[in-house]
């Protein structure tokens, strides 16, 4: 995993090994949904 913060914009990349693709996709969706929720909370 790597992250890069640029002011109000950030980048995040994740790669899961030894997980079926459908499980990895579901996990990615949950992570990004949580990140969007956290960002919405801090935005007001």
C-alpha atoms as a PDB file:
ATOM      1  CA  UNK A   1       0.000   0.000   0.000  1.00  0.00           C
ATOM      2  CA  UNK A   2       1.192   3.529  -0.688  1.00  0.00           C
ATOM      3  CA  UNK A   3      -0.296   6.951  -0.058  1.00  0.00           C
ATOM      4  CA  UNK A   4       0.427  10.428  -1.340  1.00  0.00           C
ATOM      5  CA  UNK A   5      -1.072  13.590   0.134  1.00  0.00           C
ATOM      6  CA  UNK A   6      -1.276  16.732  -1.996  1.00  0.00           C
ATOM      7  CA  UNK A   7      -3.149  19.462  -0.164  1.00  0.00           C
ATOM      8  CA  UNK A   8      -6.831  18.557  -0.262  1.00  0.00           C
ATOM      9  CA  UNK A   9      -6.200  15.586  -2.563  1.00  0.00           C
ATOM     10  CA  UNK A  10      -4.801  12.217  -1.585  1.00  0.00           C
ATOM     11  CA  UNK A  11      -4.006   9.031  -3.449  1.00  0.00           C
ATOM     12  CA  UNK A  12      -4.141   5.498  -2.122  1.00  0.00           C
ATOM     13  CA  UNK A  13      -3.235   2.270  -3.887  1.00  0.00           C
ATOM     14  CA  UNK A  14      -3.853  -1.206  -2.488  1.00  0.00           C
ATOM     15  CA  UNK A  15      -2.955  -4.621  -3.782  1.00  0.00           C
ATOM     16  CA  UNK A  16      -4.057  -7.815  -2.081  1.00  0.00           C
ATOM     17  CA  UNK A  17      -2.196 -11.052  -2.689  1.00  0.00           C
ATOM     18  CA  UNK A  18      -3.572 -14.520  -2.091  1.00  0.00           C
ATOM     19  CA  UNK A  19      -7.167 -13.288  -2.114  1.00  0.00           C
ATOM     20  CA  UNK A  20      -9.709 -14.135  -4.774  1.00  0.00           C
ATOM     21  CA  UNK A  21     -10.377 -11.131  -7.008  1.00  0.00           C
ATOM     22  CA  UNK A  22     -14.016 -10.806  -5.903  1.00  0.00           C
ATOM     23  CA  UNK A  23     -12.990 -10.735  -2.215  1.00  0.00           C
ATOM     24  CA  UNK A  24     -10.266  -8.149  -2.900  1.00  0.00           C
ATOM     25  CA  UNK A  25     -12.762  -5.983  -4.813  1.00  0.00           C
ATOM     26  CA  UNK A  26     -15.255  -6.151  -1.958  1.00  0.00           C
ATOM     27  CA  UNK A  27     -12.545  -5.218   0.555  1.00  0.00           C
ATOM     28  CA  UNK A  28     -11.405  -2.269  -1.604  1.00  0.00           C
ATOM     29  CA  UNK A  29     -14.977  -1.005  -1.872  1.00  0.00           C
ATOM     30  CA  UNK A  30     -15.408  -1.152   1.913  1.00  0.00           C
ATOM     31  CA  UNK A  31     -12.133   0.668   2.546  1.00  0.00           C
ATOM     32  CA  UNK A  32     -12.938   3.454   0.084  1.00  0.00           C
ATOM     33  CA  UNK A  33     -16.509   3.741   1.409  1.00  0.00           C
ATOM     34  CA  UNK A  34     -15.104   4.230   4.925  1.00  0.00           C
ATOM     35  CA  UNK A  35     -12.606   6.807   3.679  1.00  0.00           C
ATOM     36  CA  UNK A  36     -15.388   8.734   1.912  1.00  0.00           C
ATOM     37  CA  UNK A  37     -17.428   8.662   5.130  1.00  0.00           C
ATOM     38  CA  UNK A  38     -14.516  10.005   7.172  1.00  0.00           C
ATOM     39  CA  UNK A  39     -13.913  12.753   4.628  1.00  0.00           C
ATOM     40  CA  UNK A  40     -17.609  13.707   4.687  1.00  0.00           C
ATOM     41  CA  UNK A  41     -17.537  13.920   8.497  1.00  0.00           C
ATOM     42  CA  UNK A  42     -14.555  16.266   8.500  1.00  0.00           C
ATOM     43  CA  UNK A  43     -16.065  18.390   5.712  1.00  0.00           C
ATOM     44  CA  UNK A  44     -19.095  19.189   7.816  1.00  0.00           C
END
